[in-house]
Amino acid sequence: MRTTSVLIVTFAVFVVLETLNVPNMPGDIFRRVMASIAVIAVFSGWYNLSGSFVSLLQSDRFGEVRMEAGWMERVARFGILLFAITSLLEVWRVDISGALTGVGVLGAGLAIATQDLIRNLVAGMNNMSEKRFAIGDSIQIDGSFVGTVEIH
């Protein structure tokens, strides 16, 4: 409800600003401030709703498989914050294309270098989210390693 109220007020101020024909310099800065407020309102609404959307994955329609959604909610919220920051920088006309290109190249290089680590990390998160193992379970891997699940 708060997000909707902020967006309505921001839109009303934009309409008043256009009607009054404010000179360019103060009007341009004021428009950017109002656009920033609107961007923050939209992304804060998405941020707050991300937990609800992720909790849909925890419903009973998946049968016996129960998923731990805490890490998924954190990843979704991180992505929303990242997009919010880039949107705000775009409103203020800060060119981040070079930085984004560098981050993309760095990410590709790290992904290639850490393929096995990422594969094992994703498999581990999958095991944790499905809660396949409980404390005290006995596990045998490839017939050679036998162990018991413990807390460390």
N, C-alpha and C. Protein backbone atom coordinates (compact mmCIF):
# COMPACT_ATOMS: atom_id res chain seq x y z
N MET A 1 0.83 -1.19 0.00
CA MET A 1 0.00 0.00 0.00
C MET A 1 0.87 1.25 0.00
N ARG A 2 1.98 1.24 0.76
CA ARG A 2 2.85 2.39 0.83
C ARG A 2 3.47 2.68 -0.54
N THR A 3 3.86 1.62 -1.26
CA THR A 3 4.46 1.79 -2.58
C THR A 3 3.47 2.46 -3.53
N THR A 4 2.23 2.02 -3.51
CA THR A 4 1.21 2.61 -4.38
C THR A 4 0.99 4.07 -4.04
N SER A 5 0.96 4.41 -2.77
CA SER A 5 0.77 5.81 -2.36
C SER A 5 1.92 6.68 -2.84
N VAL A 6 3.14 6.19 -2.68
CA VAL A 6 4.31 6.95 -3.13
C VAL A 6 4.26 7.16 -4.63
N LEU A 7 3.89 6.13 -5.39
CA LEU A 7 3.82 6.26 -6.85
C LEU A 7 2.73 7.24 -7.28
N ILE A 8 1.59 7.22 -6.59
CA ILE A 8 0.52 8.16 -6.93
C ILE A 8 0.94 9.60 -6.67
N VAL A 9 1.57 9.84 -5.51
CA VAL A 9 2.03 11.18 -5.18
C VAL A 9 3.12 11.63 -6.16
N THR A 10 4.03 10.74 -6.50
CA THR A 10 5.10 11.06 -7.45
C THR A 10 4.52 11.42 -8.82
N PHE A 11 3.54 10.65 -9.28
CA PHE A 11 2.90 10.93 -10.56
C PHE A 11 2.19 12.29 -10.51
N ALA A 12 1.51 12.58 -9.40
CA ALA A 12 0.81 13.87 -9.27
C ALA A 12 1.80 15.03 -9.31
N VAL A 13 2.94 14.86 -8.65
CA VAL A 13 3.95 15.93 -8.66
C VAL A 13 4.51 16.10 -10.07
N PHE A 14 4.71 15.01 -10.81
CA PHE A 14 5.16 15.11 -12.20
C PHE A 14 4.16 15.91 -13.04
N VAL A 15 2.88 15.62 -12.87
CA VAL A 15 1.84 16.33 -13.63
C VAL A 15 1.86 17.81 -13.29
N VAL A 16 1.96 18.14 -12.01
CA VAL A 16 2.01 19.55 -11.59
C VAL A 16 3.25 20.22 -12.15
N LEU A 17 4.38 19.51 -12.12
CA LEU A 17 5.63 20.06 -12.64
C LEU A 17 5.53 20.38 -14.13
N GLU A 18 4.92 19.49 -14.88
CA GLU A 18 4.75 19.72 -16.32
C GLU A 18 3.77 20.86 -16.59
N THR A 19 2.76 21.00 -15.75
CA THR A 19 1.77 22.06 -15.92
C THR A 19 2.36 23.43 -15.63
N LEU A 20 3.26 23.53 -14.65
CA LEU A 20 3.84 24.81 -14.25
C LEU A 20 4.96 25.28 -15.16
N ASN A 21 5.48 24.42 -16.02
CA ASN A 21 6.59 24.76 -16.91
C ASN A 21 7.77 25.35 -16.15
N VAL A 22 8.31 24.58 -15.22
CA VAL A 22 9.46 25.01 -14.43
C VAL A 22 10.67 25.12 -15.35
N PRO A 23 11.54 26.13 -15.14
CA PRO A 23 12.74 26.26 -15.98
C PRO A 23 13.58 24.97 -15.96
N ASN A 24 14.37 24.79 -17.00
CA ASN A 24 15.06 23.52 -17.23
C ASN A 24 15.95 23.05 -16.09
N MET A 25 16.88 23.85 -15.62
CA MET A 25 17.85 23.35 -14.65
C MET A 25 17.19 22.87 -13.36
N PRO A 26 16.44 23.71 -12.64
CA PRO A 26 15.82 23.20 -11.41
C PRO A 26 14.79 22.11 -11.71
N GLY A 27 14.07 22.26 -12.81
CA GLY A 27 13.06 21.28 -13.16
C GLY A 27 13.67 19.94 -13.50
N ASP A 28 14.82 19.94 -14.19
CA ASP A 28 15.48 18.70 -14.57
C ASP A 28 15.96 17.95 -13.33
N ILE A 29 16.56 18.66 -12.40
CA ILE A 29 17.02 18.02 -11.16
C ILE A 29 15.82 17.49 -10.37
N PHE A 30 14.76 18.29 -10.31
CA PHE A 30 13.57 17.88 -9.57
C PHE A 30 12.94 16.65 -10.22
N ARG A 31 12.93 16.60 -11.56
CA ARG A 31 12.40 15.42 -12.26
C ARG A 31 13.22 14.18 -11.94
N ARG A 32 14.53 14.34 -11.89
CA ARG A 32 15.39 13.19 -11.57
C ARG A 32 15.17 12.72 -10.14
N VAL A 33 14.99 13.67 -9.22
CA VAL A 33 14.72 13.29 -7.83
C VAL A 33 13.40 12.54 -7.75
N MET A 34 12.38 13.04 -8.43
CA MET A 34 11.08 12.37 -8.41
C MET A 34 11.15 11.01 -9.10
N ALA A 35 11.90 10.91 -10.20
CA ALA A 35 12.07 9.61 -10.86
C ALA A 35 12.82 8.65 -9.95
N SER A 36 13.79 9.15 -9.20
CA SER A 36 14.52 8.31 -8.25
C SER A 36 13.59 7.79 -7.16
N ILE A 37 12.71 8.66 -6.67
CA ILE A 37 11.75 8.24 -5.65
C ILE A 37 10.83 7.15 -6.21
N ALA A 38 10.40 7.32 -7.46
CA ALA A 38 9.53 6.32 -8.08
C ALA A 38 10.26 4.99 -8.26
N VAL A 39 11.51 5.04 -8.69
CA VAL A 39 12.30 3.81 -8.87
C VAL A 39 12.48 3.11 -7.53
N ILE A 40 12.80 3.88 -6.49
CA ILE A 40 12.98 3.28 -5.17
C ILE A 40 11.68 2.66 -4.68
N ALA A 41 10.56 3.33 -4.92
CA ALA A 41 9.26 2.80 -4.49
C ALA A 41 8.95 1.48 -5.20
N VAL A 42 9.16 1.44 -6.51
CA VAL A 42 8.86 0.22 -7.27
C VAL A 42 9.75 -0.94 -6.81
N PHE A 43 11.04 -0.69 -6.70
CA PHE A 43 11.94 -1.77 -6.32
C PHE A 43 11.77 -2.18 -4.87
N SER A 44 11.39 -1.25 -3.99
CA SER A 44 11.13 -1.65 -2.60
C SER A 44 9.88 -2.53 -2.53
N GLY A 45 8.90 -2.25 -3.37
CA GLY A 45 7.73 -3.13 -3.44
C GLY A 45 8.10 -4.52 -3.90
N TRP A 46 8.93 -4.59 -4.94
CA TRP A 46 9.39 -5.90 -5.42
C TRP A 46 10.21 -6.61 -4.35
N TYR A 47 11.05 -5.86 -3.65
CA TYR A 47 11.89 -6.42 -2.59
C TYR A 47 11.01 -7.04 -1.51
N ASN A 48 9.98 -6.32 -1.11
CA ASN A 48 9.09 -6.81 -0.05
C ASN A 48 8.27 -8.02 -0.52
N LEU A 49 7.92 -8.07 -1.80
CA LEU A 49 7.13 -9.18 -2.32
C LEU A 49 7.96 -10.41 -2.67
N SER A 50 9.27 -10.26 -2.73
CA SER A 50 10.11 -11.39 -3.15
C SER A 50 9.96 -12.58 -2.20
N GLY A 51 9.83 -12.32 -0.91
CA GLY A 51 9.64 -13.41 0.04
C GLY A 51 8.36 -14.17 -0.21
N SER A 52 7.29 -13.45 -0.55
CA SER A 52 6.01 -14.10 -0.82
C SER A 52 6.08 -14.96 -2.08
N PHE A 53 6.75 -14.46 -3.11
CA PHE A 53 6.86 -15.23 -4.34
C PHE A 53 7.71 -16.48 -4.14
N VAL A 54 8.79 -16.35 -3.39
CA VAL A 54 9.64 -17.51 -3.14
C VAL A 54 8.91 -18.53 -2.26
N SER A 55 8.07 -18.05 -1.34
CA SER A 55 7.35 -18.99 -0.47
C SER A 55 6.35 -19.83 -1.25
N LEU A 56 5.97 -19.40 -2.44
CA LEU A 56 5.10 -20.24 -3.28
C LEU A 56 5.77 -21.55 -3.64
N LEU A 57 7.10 -21.56 -3.64
CA LEU A 57 7.84 -22.79 -3.94
C LEU A 57 7.75 -23.80 -2.81
N GLN A 58 7.34 -23.35 -1.62
CA GLN A 58 7.27 -24.24 -0.47
C GLN A 58 5.91 -24.90 -0.31
N SER A 59 5.04 -24.76 -1.28
CA SER A 59 3.70 -25.34 -1.14
C SER A 59 3.78 -26.86 -1.16
N ASP A 60 2.69 -27.51 -0.79
CA ASP A 60 2.65 -28.96 -0.72
C ASP A 60 2.42 -29.63 -2.07
N ARG A 61 2.31 -28.87 -3.12
CA ARG A 61 2.03 -29.48 -4.42
C ARG A 61 3.21 -30.23 -4.99
N PHE A 62 4.40 -30.10 -4.36
CA PHE A 62 5.55 -30.84 -4.84
C PHE A 62 5.67 -32.21 -4.16
N GLY A 63 4.67 -32.56 -3.39
CA GLY A 63 4.65 -33.88 -2.77
C GLY A 63 5.61 -33.97 -1.60
N GLU A 64 6.42 -35.03 -1.60
CA GLU A 64 7.31 -35.30 -0.47
C GLU A 64 8.50 -34.35 -0.44
N VAL A 65 8.82 -33.71 -1.53
CA VAL A 65 10.00 -32.86 -1.60
C VAL A 65 9.67 -31.50 -1.01
N ARG A 66 10.34 -31.13 0.08
CA ARG A 66 10.16 -29.83 0.72
C ARG A 66 11.41 -29.01 0.43
N MET A 67 11.23 -27.77 0.08
CA MET A 67 12.36 -26.93 -0.29
C MET A 67 12.61 -25.87 0.76
N GLU A 68 13.86 -25.64 1.08
CA GLU A 68 14.26 -24.55 1.96
C GLU A 68 14.47 -23.33 1.07
N ALA A 69 13.66 -22.30 1.25
CA ALA A 69 13.66 -21.18 0.31
C ALA A 69 14.41 -19.97 0.82
N GLY A 70 15.06 -20.05 1.97
CA GLY A 70 15.77 -18.89 2.51
C GLY A 70 16.85 -18.37 1.59
N TRP A 71 17.65 -19.27 1.04
CA TRP A 71 18.73 -18.84 0.15
C TRP A 71 18.18 -18.30 -1.16
N MET A 72 17.05 -18.84 -1.62
CA MET A 72 16.46 -18.33 -2.86
C MET A 72 15.93 -16.91 -2.67
N GLU A 73 15.37 -16.65 -1.50
CA GLU A 73 14.88 -15.31 -1.19
C GLU A 73 16.03 -14.32 -1.14
N ARG A 74 17.16 -14.71 -0.56
CA ARG A 74 18.32 -13.82 -0.50
C ARG A 74 18.87 -13.53 -1.90
N VAL A 75 18.91 -14.55 -2.75
CA VAL A 75 19.40 -14.35 -4.12
C VAL A 75 18.45 -13.41 -4.88
N ALA A 76 17.13 -13.63 -4.72
CA ALA A 76 16.15 -12.76 -5.40
C ALA A 76 16.28 -11.33 -4.92
N ARG A 77 16.43 -11.14 -3.62
CA ARG A 77 16.55 -9.78 -3.08
C ARG A 77 17.85 -9.12 -3.53
N PHE A 78 18.93 -9.90 -3.63
CA PHE A 78 20.19 -9.33 -4.13
C PHE A 78 20.02 -8.87 -5.58
N GLY A 79 19.36 -9.69 -6.40
CA GLY A 79 19.12 -9.30 -7.80
C GLY A 79 18.26 -8.05 -7.89
N ILE A 80 17.25 -7.94 -7.05
CA ILE A 80 16.39 -6.76 -7.06
C ILE A 80 17.19 -5.52 -6.67
N LEU A 81 18.04 -5.64 -5.63
CA LEU A 81 18.88 -4.50 -5.23
C LEU A 81 19.84 -4.11 -6.34
N LEU A 82 20.41 -5.09 -7.02
CA LEU A 82 21.34 -4.80 -8.11
C LEU A 82 20.64 -4.04 -9.24
N PHE A 83 19.44 -4.50 -9.62
CA PHE A 83 18.69 -3.80 -10.66
C PHE A 83 18.25 -2.42 -10.21
N ALA A 84 17.92 -2.26 -8.93
CA ALA A 84 17.52 -0.95 -8.42
C ALA A 84 18.67 0.04 -8.50
N ILE A 85 19.86 -0.40 -8.12
CA ILE A 85 21.03 0.49 -8.18
C ILE A 85 21.33 0.88 -9.61
N THR A 86 21.30 -0.08 -10.54
CA THR A 86 21.58 0.27 -11.94
C THR A 86 20.49 1.18 -12.51
N SER A 87 19.25 1.00 -12.08
CA SER A 87 18.17 1.88 -12.55
C SER A 87 18.35 3.30 -12.02
N LEU A 88 18.74 3.42 -10.76
CA LEU A 88 18.98 4.75 -10.19
C LEU A 88 20.15 5.45 -10.89
N LEU A 89 21.19 4.69 -11.18
CA LEU A 89 22.33 5.29 -11.90
C LEU A 89 21.92 5.73 -13.30
N GLU A 90 21.02 4.99 -13.92
CA GLU A 90 20.51 5.38 -15.25
C GLU A 90 19.68 6.65 -15.17
N VAL A 91 18.88 6.79 -14.11
CA VAL A 91 18.07 8.01 -13.94
C VAL A 91 18.99 9.23 -13.84
N TRP A 92 20.11 9.08 -13.15
CA TRP A 92 21.04 10.20 -12.98
C TRP A 92 22.08 10.25 -14.09
N ARG A 93 21.87 9.45 -15.15
CA ARG A 93 22.70 9.44 -16.36
C ARG A 93 24.18 9.15 -16.07
N VAL A 94 24.41 8.19 -15.18
CA VAL A 94 25.76 7.72 -14.90
C VAL A 94 26.01 6.54 -15.83
N ASP A 95 27.03 6.64 -16.67
CA ASP A 95 27.32 5.59 -17.63
C ASP A 95 28.09 4.46 -16.95
N ILE A 96 27.44 3.33 -16.83
CA ILE A 96 28.08 2.19 -16.19
C ILE A 96 28.28 1.04 -17.18
N SER A 97 28.16 1.34 -18.47
CA SER A 97 28.28 0.26 -19.46
C SER A 97 29.66 -0.37 -19.45
N GLY A 98 30.70 0.43 -19.26
CA GLY A 98 32.06 -0.13 -19.18
C GLY A 98 32.23 -1.02 -17.97
N ALA A 99 31.69 -0.58 -16.84
CA ALA A 99 31.79 -1.38 -15.62
C ALA A 99 31.01 -2.68 -15.76
N LEU A 100 29.82 -2.60 -16.37
CA LEU A 100 29.02 -3.82 -16.56
C LEU A 100 29.70 -4.79 -17.52
N THR A 101 30.36 -4.27 -18.54
CA THR A 101 31.11 -5.12 -19.46
C THR A 101 32.25 -5.81 -18.72
N GLY A 102 32.97 -5.05 -17.92
CA GLY A 102 34.07 -5.63 -17.13
C GLY A 102 33.59 -6.69 -16.16
N VAL A 103 32.47 -6.42 -15.51
CA VAL A 103 31.91 -7.39 -14.57
C VAL A 103 31.48 -8.65 -15.32
N GLY A 104 30.92 -8.50 -16.51
CA GLY A 104 30.52 -9.65 -17.31
C GLY A 104 31.70 -10.51 -17.72
N VAL A 105 32.78 -9.86 -18.17
CA VAL A 105 33.98 -10.60 -18.57
C VAL A 105 34.60 -11.29 -17.35
N LEU A 106 34.65 -10.57 -16.23
CA LEU A 106 35.19 -11.16 -15.00
C LEU A 106 34.34 -12.34 -14.56
N GLY A 107 33.02 -12.20 -14.63
CA GLY A 107 32.13 -13.29 -14.25
C GLY A 107 32.31 -14.51 -15.14
N ALA A 108 32.47 -14.28 -16.45
CA ALA A 108 32.69 -15.41 -17.37
C ALA A 108 34.00 -16.12 -17.05
N GLY A 109 35.04 -15.35 -16.79
CA GLY A 109 36.33 -15.94 -16.44
C GLY A 109 36.27 -16.74 -15.15
N LEU A 110 35.61 -16.17 -14.14
CA LEU A 110 35.47 -16.88 -12.87
C LEU A 110 34.62 -18.13 -13.02
N ALA A 111 33.58 -18.05 -13.85
CA ALA A 111 32.73 -19.22 -14.06
C ALA A 111 33.50 -20.36 -14.71
N ILE A 112 34.33 -20.02 -15.67
CA ILE A 112 35.14 -21.05 -16.32
C ILE A 112 36.15 -21.64 -15.34
N ALA A 113 36.75 -20.77 -14.53
CA ALA A 113 37.78 -21.24 -13.60
C ALA A 113 37.20 -22.06 -12.45
N THR A 114 35.97 -21.82 -12.09
CA THR A 114 35.40 -22.48 -10.91
C THR A 114 34.21 -23.38 -11.26
N GLN A 115 34.24 -24.00 -12.41
CA GLN A 115 33.13 -24.86 -12.84
C GLN A 115 32.81 -25.95 -11.83
N ASP A 116 33.84 -26.67 -11.38
CA ASP A 116 33.60 -27.77 -10.45
C ASP A 116 33.05 -27.26 -9.13
N LEU A 117 33.60 -26.16 -8.62
CA LEU A 117 33.12 -25.59 -7.38
C LEU A 117 31.66 -25.18 -7.49
N ILE A 118 31.31 -24.53 -8.58
CA ILE A 118 29.94 -24.08 -8.79
C ILE A 118 29.00 -25.28 -8.93
N ARG A 119 29.42 -26.30 -9.66
CA ARG A 119 28.61 -27.50 -9.82
C ARG A 119 28.33 -28.16 -8.46
N ASN A 120 29.38 -28.28 -7.64
CA ASN A 120 29.20 -28.87 -6.31
C ASN A 120 28.37 -27.98 -5.40
N LEU A 121 28.53 -26.68 -5.52
CA LEU A 121 27.75 -25.74 -4.71
C LEU A 121 26.27 -25.84 -5.05
N VAL A 122 25.95 -25.87 -6.34
CA VAL A 122 24.56 -25.99 -6.76
C VAL A 122 23.97 -27.32 -6.31
N ALA A 123 24.74 -28.39 -6.43
CA ALA A 123 24.26 -29.70 -5.98
C ALA A 123 24.02 -29.69 -4.47
N GLY A 124 24.91 -29.06 -3.73
CA GLY A 124 24.74 -28.97 -2.28
C GLY A 124 23.51 -28.15 -1.90
N MET A 125 23.29 -27.02 -2.59
CA MET A 125 22.11 -26.21 -2.31
C MET A 125 20.84 -26.98 -2.68
N ASN A 126 20.91 -27.76 -3.74
CA ASN A 126 19.77 -28.59 -4.12
C ASN A 126 19.47 -29.61 -3.03
N ASN A 127 20.51 -30.26 -2.53
CA ASN A 127 20.31 -31.23 -1.45
C ASN A 127 19.75 -30.56 -0.19
N MET A 128 20.27 -29.37 0.13
CA MET A 128 19.79 -28.66 1.31
C MET A 128 18.35 -28.20 1.14
N SER A 129 18.02 -27.70 -0.05
CA SER A 129 16.68 -27.17 -0.26
C SER A 129 15.62 -28.27 -0.28
N GLU A 130 15.99 -29.44 -0.72
CA GLU A 130 15.04 -30.55 -0.74
C GLU A 130 15.02 -31.31 0.58
N LYS A 131 15.95 -31.00 1.46
CA LYS A 131 16.06 -31.64 2.78
C LYS A 131 16.07 -33.16 2.64
N ARG A 132 16.96 -33.64 1.79
CA ARG A 132 17.07 -35.09 1.56
C ARG A 132 17.65 -35.81 2.77
N PHE A 133 18.53 -35.13 3.50
CA PHE A 133 19.23 -35.78 4.60
C PHE A 133 18.89 -35.08 5.90
N ALA A 134 18.77 -35.87 6.95
CA ALA A 134 18.52 -35.32 8.29
C ALA A 134 19.69 -35.72 9.19
N ILE A 135 19.82 -35.02 10.29
CA ILE A 135 20.88 -35.33 11.24
C ILE A 135 20.68 -36.75 11.76
N GLY A 136 21.77 -37.53 11.72
CA GLY A 136 21.71 -38.91 12.18
C GLY A 136 21.54 -39.92 11.06
N ASP A 137 21.24 -39.46 9.82
CA ASP A 137 21.11 -40.38 8.69
C ASP A 137 22.47 -40.99 8.35
N SER A 138 22.46 -42.24 7.96
CA SER A 138 23.67 -42.91 7.51
C SER A 138 23.71 -42.83 6.00
N ILE A 139 24.85 -42.41 5.46
CA ILE A 139 24.99 -42.19 4.02
C ILE A 139 26.16 -43.02 3.50
N GLN A 140 25.95 -43.68 2.35
CA GLN A 140 27.00 -44.45 1.72
C GLN A 140 27.19 -43.91 0.31
N ILE A 141 28.43 -43.58 -0.05
CA ILE A 141 28.73 -43.00 -1.36
C ILE A 141 29.63 -43.97 -2.12
N ASP A 142 29.18 -44.37 -3.28
CA ASP A 142 29.92 -45.28 -4.18
C ASP A 142 30.37 -46.55 -3.48
N GLY A 143 29.68 -46.98 -2.47
CA GLY A 143 30.00 -48.23 -1.79
C GLY A 143 31.26 -48.20 -0.97
N SER A 144 32.02 -47.10 -0.97
CA SER A 144 33.29 -47.09 -0.26
C SER A 144 33.29 -46.16 0.95
N PHE A 145 32.55 -45.09 0.91
CA PHE A 145 32.54 -44.14 2.02
C PHE A 145 31.21 -44.21 2.73
N VAL A 146 31.25 -44.43 4.01
CA VAL A 146 30.03 -44.49 4.83
C VAL A 146 30.17 -43.45 5.94
N GLY A 147 29.12 -42.69 6.17
CA GLY A 147 29.18 -41.67 7.21
C GLY A 147 27.81 -41.38 7.76
N THR A 148 27.80 -40.58 8.81
CA THR A 148 26.58 -40.17 9.47
C THR A 148 26.47 -38.65 9.39
N VAL A 149 25.29 -38.13 9.10
CA VAL A 149 25.08 -36.68 8.99
C VAL A 149 25.16 -36.08 10.39
N GLU A 150 26.03 -35.07 10.53
CA GLU A 150 26.21 -34.36 11.80
C GLU A 150 26.18 -32.86 11.58
N ILE A 151 26.07 -32.12 12.67
CA ILE A 151 26.15 -30.65 12.62
C ILE A 151 27.58 -30.25 12.92
N HIS A 152 28.13 -29.32 12.15
CA HIS A 152 29.47 -28.79 12.43
C HIS A 152 29.41 -27.33 12.67
